[in-house]
Protein backbone atom coordinates (compact mmCIF):
# COMPACT_ATOMS: atom_id res chain seq x y z
CA MET A 1 4.02 115.83 73.79
CA SER A 2 1.08 113.54 74.48
CA TYR A 3 0.50 114.98 77.92
CA GLU A 4 0.48 118.52 76.53
CA LEU A 5 -2.12 117.45 73.98
CA LEU A 6 -4.27 116.00 76.77
CA GLU A 7 -3.93 119.19 78.80
CA SER A 8 -4.95 121.30 75.80
CA LEU A 9 -7.99 119.16 75.02
CA SER A 10 -9.01 119.18 78.71
CA LYS A 11 -9.77 122.89 78.37
CA TYR A 12 -12.66 121.93 76.07
CA ALA A 13 -13.74 118.48 77.26
CA THR A 14 -13.63 116.65 80.59
CA ARG A 15 -11.52 113.54 80.87
CA PRO A 16 -13.04 110.51 82.62
CA PRO A 17 -12.03 110.44 86.29
CA LEU A 18 -9.27 108.03 87.28
CA ARG A 19 -10.87 104.86 88.62
CA ILE A 20 -8.02 102.42 89.15
CA PRO A 21 -7.25 101.36 92.74
CA PRO A 22 -5.02 103.73 94.74
CA LYS A 23 -1.46 102.77 95.61
CA ILE A 24 -1.40 99.03 96.25
CA LYS A 25 -0.42 97.90 99.75
CA SER A 26 2.82 96.00 100.19
CA GLY A 27 2.29 92.27 99.97
CA THR A 28 -0.66 92.47 97.57
CA SER A 29 -0.27 89.87 94.84
CA PRO A 30 -0.61 90.86 91.16
CA GLU A 31 -3.69 88.65 90.94
CA GLU A 32 -5.36 90.41 93.88
CA ALA A 33 -4.52 93.78 92.30
CA ALA A 34 -5.99 92.66 88.97
CA ARG A 35 -9.22 91.53 90.64
CA ALA A 36 -9.47 94.85 92.49
CA THR A 37 -8.94 96.68 89.21
CA ARG A 38 -11.67 94.71 87.44
CA ALA A 39 -14.01 95.58 90.33
CA ALA A 40 -13.06 99.27 90.14
CA LEU A 41 -13.84 99.23 86.41
CA ASP A 42 -17.20 97.47 86.97
CA LEU A 43 -16.05 94.41 85.01
CA SER A 44 -17.65 91.10 85.94
CA ASP A 45 -15.27 88.23 86.65
CA GLU A 46 -17.60 85.91 84.78
CA ASP A 47 -17.34 87.63 81.42
CA PRO A 48 -14.51 88.52 79.02
CA ILE A 49 -13.63 92.18 78.54
CA PRO A 50 -15.14 93.13 75.16
CA HIS A 51 -12.68 95.99 74.47
CA VAL A 52 -9.68 96.36 76.78
CA ILE A 53 -8.61 99.79 75.51
CA HIS A 54 -12.14 101.15 75.84
CA ALA A 55 -12.34 99.86 79.43
CA VAL A 56 -8.97 101.43 80.26
CA GLU A 57 -9.91 104.78 78.73
CA ARG A 58 -13.24 104.79 80.57
CA ALA A 59 -11.16 104.39 83.73
CA GLY A 60 -9.38 107.69 82.99
CA ILE A 61 -6.23 106.34 81.33
CA PRO A 62 -5.75 107.68 77.79
CA VAL A 63 -4.19 105.24 75.35
CA LEU A 64 -2.21 106.24 72.28
CA VAL A 65 -1.28 103.94 69.43
CA ALA A 66 1.67 105.42 67.59
CA ASP A 67 4.38 104.04 65.34
CA ILE A 68 7.35 104.68 67.60
CA GLU A 69 10.54 102.83 68.42
CA LEU A 70 10.78 101.46 71.93
CA PRO A 71 14.10 100.88 73.72
CA ASP A 72 13.28 97.21 74.20
CA ALA A 73 12.16 95.39 71.06
CA ARG A 74 10.40 92.74 73.19
CA HIS A 75 7.80 95.27 74.33
CA ASP A 76 4.88 96.58 72.32
CA ALA A 77 3.88 99.32 74.80
CA TYR A 78 4.96 101.46 77.73
CA SER A 79 3.23 103.48 80.44
CA VAL A 80 4.06 106.69 82.34
CA TRP A 81 2.64 109.02 84.95
CA GLY A 82 2.57 112.60 83.61
CA GLY A 83 1.82 116.00 85.09
CA ASP A 84 3.48 118.17 87.71
CA PHE A 85 2.46 115.76 90.45
CA HIS A 86 2.58 112.57 88.34
CA GLU A 87 -1.18 112.33 88.58
CA GLN A 88 -2.08 111.51 84.96
CA PRO A 89 -1.37 108.00 83.65
CA LEU A 90 -0.82 107.34 79.96
CA ILE A 91 -0.30 104.18 77.91
CA VAL A 92 1.43 104.25 74.53
CA ALA A 93 1.38 101.19 72.27
CA ARG A 94 2.92 100.42 68.91
CA PRO A 95 0.50 99.41 66.13
CA VAL A 96 0.80 95.66 65.65
CA ASN A 97 -1.41 93.43 63.53
CA SER A 98 -2.20 90.86 66.23
CA TRP A 99 -5.31 91.66 68.27
CA GLU A 100 -4.37 89.45 71.22
CA ARG A 101 -0.95 91.11 71.50
CA VAL A 102 -2.55 94.56 71.65
CA ARG A 103 -5.02 93.53 74.38
CA TRP A 104 -2.35 91.81 76.45
CA SER A 105 0.19 94.63 76.09
CA VAL A 106 -2.32 97.24 77.28
CA ALA A 107 -3.33 95.00 80.21
CA HIS A 108 0.37 94.53 81.04
CA GLU A 109 0.94 98.31 81.14
CA LEU A 110 -2.19 98.75 83.23
CA GLY A 111 -0.53 96.34 85.64
CA HIS A 112 2.53 98.54 85.86
CA LEU A 113 0.36 101.61 86.56
CA VAL A 114 -1.52 99.83 89.34
CA LEU A 115 1.33 97.82 90.88
CA HIS A 116 4.35 100.08 90.46
CA ARG A 117 3.08 103.63 90.92
CA GLY A 118 5.81 105.68 92.54
CA THR A 119 8.41 102.95 92.00
CA THR A 120 11.81 104.15 90.84
CA GLY A 121 14.34 102.11 88.89
CA GLU A 122 13.63 98.64 87.55
CA VAL A 123 10.13 97.23 87.93
CA ASP A 124 9.08 93.59 88.08
CA GLU A 125 7.93 92.57 84.59
CA GLU A 126 6.71 89.17 85.77
CA GLU A 127 4.31 90.88 88.19
CA ALA A 128 2.84 92.87 85.31
CA ASN A 129 2.58 89.64 83.27
CA ARG A 130 0.63 87.94 86.05
CA PHE A 131 -1.59 91.02 86.43
CA ALA A 132 -2.38 91.02 82.70
CA ASN A 133 -3.30 87.34 82.65
CA GLU A 134 -5.56 87.67 85.70
CA PHE A 135 -7.12 90.89 84.40
CA LEU A 136 -7.99 89.30 81.07
CA TYR A 137 -9.02 85.90 82.45
CA PRO A 138 -9.92 85.73 86.18
CA SER A 139 -8.59 82.64 87.92
CA SER A 140 -12.04 81.90 89.33
CA MET A 141 -13.23 81.17 85.78
CA LEU A 142 -9.96 79.58 84.65
CA LEU A 143 -10.27 76.99 87.43
CA LEU A 144 -13.77 76.09 86.24
CA GLU A 145 -13.02 75.96 82.52
CA TRP A 146 -9.50 74.54 82.27
CA PRO A 147 -9.52 71.18 80.40
CA GLU A 148 -8.34 68.04 82.17
CA ALA A 149 -5.77 67.14 79.51
CA PRO A 150 -4.88 70.45 77.81
CA THR A 151 -3.76 70.50 74.19
CA LEU A 152 -3.37 73.43 71.84
CA THR A 153 -6.61 72.33 70.17
CA SER A 154 -8.58 72.12 73.44
CA LEU A 155 -7.28 75.55 74.50
CA MET A 156 -8.44 77.32 71.35
CA PRO A 157 -12.06 77.79 72.57
CA LEU A 158 -10.73 79.45 75.74
CA LYS A 159 -8.49 81.71 73.68
CA GLN A 160 -11.39 82.73 71.46
CA ARG A 161 -13.84 83.32 74.32
CA TRP A 162 -11.49 85.25 76.61
CA GLN A 163 -9.48 86.82 73.78
CA ILE A 164 -6.11 85.95 75.27
CA SER A 165 -3.19 84.25 73.55
CA LEU A 166 -2.42 80.56 73.92
CA ALA A 167 1.00 81.42 75.36
CA ALA A 168 -0.55 83.63 78.04
CA LEU A 169 -3.17 80.97 78.78
CA ILE A 170 -0.51 78.34 79.38
CA LYS A 171 1.51 80.59 81.69
CA HIS A 172 -1.65 81.64 83.55
CA ALA A 173 -2.56 78.00 84.16
CA GLN A 174 0.99 77.23 85.30
CA ASN A 175 0.83 80.06 87.86
CA ASN A 176 -2.43 78.57 89.13
CA ASP A 177 -0.92 75.06 89.44
CA LEU A 178 -3.30 73.69 86.82
CA ILE A 179 -0.59 72.24 84.58
CA GLU A 180 2.71 70.50 85.24
CA ASP A 181 5.97 72.11 84.15
CA TYR A 182 6.75 69.33 81.68
CA ARG A 183 3.38 69.88 79.96
CA VAL A 184 4.10 73.60 79.78
CA SER A 185 7.43 72.88 78.05
CA GLY A 186 5.71 70.48 75.67
CA LEU A 187 3.01 72.94 74.69
CA PHE A 188 5.53 75.72 74.08
CA LYS A 189 7.62 73.36 71.95
CA GLN A 190 4.49 72.65 69.89
CA LEU A 191 3.88 76.40 69.49
CA SER A 192 7.44 76.76 68.21
CA ALA A 193 7.17 73.77 65.89
CA ARG A 194 3.80 74.42 64.23
CA LYS A 195 3.65 76.88 61.36
CA ASP A 196 1.00 78.87 59.56
CA PRO A 197 0.74 77.12 56.16
CA ASN A 198 0.13 80.45 54.42
CA THR A 199 3.00 82.44 55.92
CA GLY A 200 5.42 79.81 57.22
CA VAL A 201 5.59 81.69 60.53
CA THR A 202 5.57 79.58 63.69
CA TRP A 203 2.66 79.75 66.13
CA ARG A 204 5.07 80.96 68.81
CA ILE A 205 5.50 84.17 66.83
CA GLN A 206 2.05 84.43 65.28
CA GLU A 207 -0.68 82.31 66.82
CA PRO A 208 -3.62 80.88 64.87
CA GLY A 209 -6.50 83.32 64.72
CA TRP A 210 -4.26 86.39 64.87
CA SER A 211 -6.13 87.96 61.94
CA ASP A 212 -9.66 86.97 62.97
CA GLN A 213 -10.43 90.50 64.14
CA GLN A 214 -9.04 93.99 63.94
CA PRO A 215 -6.65 95.05 66.72
CA GLU A 216 -8.19 97.41 69.25
CA ARG A 217 -7.56 101.12 68.86
CA PRO A 218 -8.13 104.00 71.31
CA ARG A 219 -10.70 106.75 70.90
CA LEU A 220 -10.63 109.04 73.95
CA ILE A 221 -8.49 111.81 72.45
CA SER A 222 -10.58 111.94 69.28
CA ALA A 223 -13.80 111.94 71.30
CA MET A 224 -12.57 114.86 73.41
CA ALA A 225 -11.92 116.90 70.26
CA GLU A 226 -15.26 115.98 68.71
CA ARG A 227 -17.37 116.63 71.79
CA GLY A 228 -15.50 119.52 73.34
CA MET A 229 -14.45 121.42 70.24
CA GLU A 230 -16.97 120.07 67.73
CA ARG A 231 -14.06 119.51 65.39
CA THR A 232 -12.86 116.49 63.46
CA PRO A 233 -9.57 115.28 64.96
CA SER A 234 -6.64 116.09 62.69
CA ALA A 235 -2.90 116.57 62.87
CA GLU A 236 -3.35 120.24 62.02
CA LEU A 237 -5.84 120.77 64.85
CA PHE A 238 -3.65 119.03 67.41
CA SER A 239 -0.59 120.91 66.16
CA ALA A 240 -2.40 124.23 66.57
CA LEU A 241 -3.40 123.29 70.12
CA THR A 242 0.07 122.27 71.26
CA GLY A 243 2.61 123.88 68.97
CA TRP A 244 4.11 120.50 68.14
CA ALA A 245 4.79 119.71 64.47
CA ALA A 246 1.86 118.33 62.46
CA ASP A 247 3.82 115.27 61.29
CA LEU A 248 4.31 114.25 64.92
CA MET A 249 0.61 114.72 65.65
CA GLU A 250 -0.30 112.74 62.53
CA ASN A 251 1.17 109.68 64.23
CA ILE A 252 -1.27 110.10 67.11
CA VAL A 253 -4.29 110.76 64.89
CA ALA A 254 -3.53 107.71 62.73
CA GLY A 255 -3.70 105.43 65.75
CA GLN A 256 -7.15 106.57 66.87
CA ARG A 257 -10.35 104.66 66.22
CA SER A 258 -13.09 106.27 64.14
CA ALA A 259 -16.41 107.34 65.64
CA PRO A 260 -18.89 104.44 66.00
CA ALA A 261 -21.16 105.86 63.28
CA VAL A 262 -18.22 106.04 60.87
CA GLU A 263 -17.18 102.49 61.67
CA GLN A 264 -20.72 101.23 61.11
CA MET A 265 -20.86 103.03 57.77
CA ARG A 266 -17.54 101.51 56.69
CA ALA A 267 -18.71 98.05 57.73
CA LYS A 268 -21.91 98.50 55.70
CA GLN A 269 -19.95 99.70 52.66
CA SER A 270 -17.63 96.73 52.94
CA LYS A 271 -20.61 94.35 53.17
CA ASP A 272 -22.38 95.99 50.23
CA SER A 273 -19.25 95.69 48.09
CA LEU A 274 -19.16 91.89 48.37
CA PRO A 275 -19.87 90.00 45.11
CA GLY A 276 -23.37 88.68 44.74
CA ASN A 277 -22.33 85.07 45.14
CA VAL A 278 -20.48 85.65 48.42
CA ILE A 279 -22.29 85.39 51.73
CA ALA A 280 -21.11 87.78 54.45
CA LEU A 281 -20.46 85.79 57.62
CA ARG A 282 -20.62 87.31 61.07
CA ARG A 283 -18.91 86.03 64.20
CA ALA A 284 -21.14 84.23 66.67
């Protein structure tokens, strides 16, 4: 259904060309593949990725956020190669309220697309995990910034700067031999023991800072409709293009991000609606 929608919109607007590395050579590590992918996407190793989904869509990989059930409840996303010749990649993610989970899940699926193209049967999930960690936080910077005696408190600035979860940070450091196994176990036990005082949920399930920002949402499909058809994206429009039921297309539309001008207007309205004795704070 999603691929047919992309094909229909492509008659009116050009999709970004696919820019991820071609089929990875045998023996290439996930970390090497992640570094090659960052280079292909013109992403500096010295800086965090401001918007992972935007970077992925600019690289020619549409992303959909839709409220669907996945076969494996442990996963928040999946990826496929569509088209007659399996030439068009696609990532589909469930809407979750944790921004770091969305970023990591999309990076994980990007890893599958880069590492496992053409692979049949089971794929190596740990390879995609390592790809995601390296893609979000290059080891060259991790080696420079990793604290000498890591604690959950000392890791929080790294989480906030690189926008990657504490759990992923710990595993990334372990894979780079920056932390002993017993310290890894200890830190994960602390994540499982500490709880959010407001919700009672442990940090292992919902890390501190999970609500500091809105989860990323895709925009490519909406932009193609706006620029190519000069139409506002809607379930009815997408249904007319594809023949699929409008309620199915509504799921796709709901997961898209608004145009930048609309988002700026909403942000201004939200700021203007604050009581007079409240100061609007902005993130540094």
